[in-house]
Amino acid sequence: MGKETPMDQESAGRISAAADRDPSSPTATSGFDERAQAAADRNDDHDDEDQ
């Protein structure tokens, strides 16, 4: 298996920008950009708890 890397805000932003550039792309139509942003938000919450 590959290495797991938690979703961060920078990555979620790139995914969202790609979906905005091509609204008919699989990324945009599948809702992946929203899920990526939600995951980044959750990971930020976990990072705040660790500090």
N, C-alpha and C. Protein backbone atom coordinates (compact mmCIF):
# COMPACT_ATOMS: atom_id res chain seq x y z
N MET A 1 0.82 -1.18 0.00
CA MET A 1 0.00 0.00 0.00
C MET A 1 0.86 1.24 0.00
N GLY A 2 0.27 2.35 -0.48
CA GLY A 2 0.98 3.62 -0.51
C GLY A 2 0.95 4.32 0.83
N LYS A 3 1.75 5.33 0.91
CA LYS A 3 1.83 6.13 2.12
C LYS A 3 0.59 7.03 2.22
N GLU A 4 0.00 7.09 3.40
CA GLU A 4 -1.15 7.98 3.61
C GLU A 4 -0.66 9.35 4.00
N THR A 5 -1.17 10.35 3.34
CA THR A 5 -0.85 11.74 3.66
C THR A 5 -2.16 12.45 3.97
N PRO A 6 -2.29 13.04 5.14
CA PRO A 6 -3.52 13.74 5.49
C PRO A 6 -3.77 14.92 4.55
N MET A 7 -5.03 15.16 4.26
CA MET A 7 -5.41 16.29 3.42
C MET A 7 -5.14 17.58 4.18
N ASP A 8 -4.50 18.54 3.52
CA ASP A 8 -4.26 19.84 4.15
C ASP A 8 -4.97 20.93 3.33
N GLN A 9 -4.98 22.14 3.87
CA GLN A 9 -5.69 23.24 3.22
C GLN A 9 -5.09 23.57 1.85
N GLU A 10 -3.78 23.48 1.72
CA GLU A 10 -3.13 23.79 0.45
C GLU A 10 -3.57 22.80 -0.64
N SER A 11 -3.58 21.53 -0.30
CA SER A 11 -4.00 20.51 -1.27
C SER A 11 -5.47 20.65 -1.62
N ALA A 12 -6.29 20.91 -0.62
CA ALA A 12 -7.72 21.09 -0.87
C ALA A 12 -7.95 22.30 -1.78
N GLY A 13 -7.16 23.34 -1.59
CA GLY A 13 -7.27 24.52 -2.44
C GLY A 13 -6.92 24.22 -3.89
N ARG A 14 -5.89 23.41 -4.10
CA ARG A 14 -5.51 23.03 -5.47
C ARG A 14 -6.63 22.21 -6.12
N ILE A 15 -7.22 21.30 -5.36
CA ILE A 15 -8.30 20.47 -5.89
C ILE A 15 -9.51 21.33 -6.24
N SER A 16 -9.83 22.26 -5.36
CA SER A 16 -10.96 23.16 -5.59
C SER A 16 -10.72 24.04 -6.82
N ALA A 17 -9.49 24.55 -6.96
CA ALA A 17 -9.16 25.39 -8.11
C ALA A 17 -9.29 24.59 -9.41
N ALA A 18 -8.86 23.35 -9.39
CA ALA A 18 -8.98 22.51 -10.58
C ALA A 18 -10.44 22.27 -10.93
N ALA A 19 -11.27 22.07 -9.93
CA ALA A 19 -12.69 21.86 -10.17
C ALA A 19 -13.34 23.14 -10.71
N ASP A 20 -12.90 24.29 -10.22
CA ASP A 20 -13.42 25.57 -10.71
C ASP A 20 -13.02 25.81 -12.16
N ARG A 21 -11.80 25.41 -12.52
CA ARG A 21 -11.33 25.61 -13.90
C ARG A 21 -12.12 24.78 -14.90
N ASP A 22 -12.52 23.58 -14.50
CA ASP A 22 -13.24 22.68 -15.40
C ASP A 22 -14.43 22.07 -14.68
N PRO A 23 -15.57 22.78 -14.65
CA PRO A 23 -16.74 22.32 -13.90
C PRO A 23 -17.32 20.98 -14.38
N SER A 24 -16.94 20.55 -15.57
CA SER A 24 -17.45 19.26 -16.06
C SER A 24 -16.48 18.11 -15.79
N SER A 25 -15.38 18.39 -15.11
CA SER A 25 -14.39 17.34 -14.83
C SER A 25 -14.92 16.37 -13.78
N PRO A 26 -14.36 15.18 -13.75
CA PRO A 26 -14.77 14.21 -12.72
C PRO A 26 -14.58 14.73 -11.29
N THR A 27 -13.54 15.52 -11.08
CA THR A 27 -13.29 16.09 -9.75
C THR A 27 -14.44 16.99 -9.34
N ALA A 28 -14.91 17.81 -10.26
CA ALA A 28 -15.99 18.75 -9.96
C ALA A 28 -17.34 18.04 -9.86
N THR A 29 -17.62 17.15 -10.78
CA THR A 29 -18.94 16.53 -10.81
C THR A 29 -19.13 15.49 -9.72
N SER A 30 -18.05 14.94 -9.19
CA SER A 30 -18.18 13.91 -8.15
C SER A 30 -18.29 14.51 -6.76
N GLY A 31 -18.00 15.82 -6.64
CA GLY A 31 -18.03 16.44 -5.32
C GLY A 31 -16.74 16.24 -4.54
N PHE A 32 -15.70 15.77 -5.22
CA PHE A 32 -14.44 15.51 -4.52
C PHE A 32 -13.86 16.77 -3.92
N ASP A 33 -14.06 17.91 -4.59
CA ASP A 33 -13.49 19.15 -4.05
C ASP A 33 -14.11 19.50 -2.69
N GLU A 34 -15.42 19.27 -2.54
CA GLU A 34 -16.06 19.53 -1.25
C GLU A 34 -15.58 18.55 -0.18
N ARG A 35 -15.41 17.29 -0.57
CA ARG A 35 -14.93 16.29 0.39
C ARG A 35 -13.49 16.57 0.81
N ALA A 36 -12.67 17.03 -0.14
CA ALA A 36 -11.29 17.37 0.18
C ALA A 36 -11.25 18.53 1.17
N GLN A 37 -12.09 19.53 0.96
CA GLN A 37 -12.11 20.68 1.86
C GLN A 37 -12.58 20.25 3.25
N ALA A 38 -13.59 19.40 3.30
CA ALA A 38 -14.09 18.92 4.60
C ALA A 38 -13.01 18.13 5.33
N ALA A 39 -12.26 17.32 4.60
CA ALA A 39 -11.18 16.55 5.23
C ALA A 39 -10.09 17.47 5.74
N ALA A 40 -9.74 18.48 4.97
CA ALA A 40 -8.71 19.43 5.42
C ALA A 40 -9.18 20.17 6.67
N ASP A 41 -10.46 20.53 6.70
CA ASP A 41 -11.01 21.21 7.89
C ASP A 41 -10.93 20.29 9.11
N ARG A 42 -11.29 19.02 8.92
CA ARG A 42 -11.21 18.06 10.03
C ARG A 42 -9.77 17.90 10.51
N ASN A 43 -8.84 17.83 9.56
CA ASN A 43 -7.43 17.67 9.94
C ASN A 43 -6.92 18.90 10.66
N ASP A 44 -7.37 20.08 10.27
CA ASP A 44 -6.99 21.29 10.99
C ASP A 44 -7.50 21.25 12.42
N ASP A 45 -8.72 20.77 12.59
CA ASP A 45 -9.29 20.66 13.94
C ASP A 45 -8.45 19.73 14.80
N HIS A 46 -8.01 18.61 14.22
CA HIS A 46 -7.18 17.66 14.96
C HIS A 46 -5.82 18.26 15.30
N ASP A 47 -5.27 19.05 14.38
CA ASP A 47 -3.98 19.69 14.63
C ASP A 47 -4.10 20.68 15.78
N ASP A 48 -5.22 21.40 15.87
CA ASP A 48 -5.42 22.36 16.94
C ASP A 48 -5.51 21.65 18.30
N GLU A 49 -6.12 20.48 18.32
CA GLU A 49 -6.26 19.72 19.58
C GLU A 49 -4.91 19.22 20.07
N ASP A 50 -4.00 18.94 19.13
CA ASP A 50 -2.68 18.40 19.49
C ASP A 50 -1.78 19.46 20.11
N GLN A 51 -2.08 20.72 19.89
CA GLN A 51 -1.20 21.78 20.40
C GLN A 51 -1.58 22.23 21.77
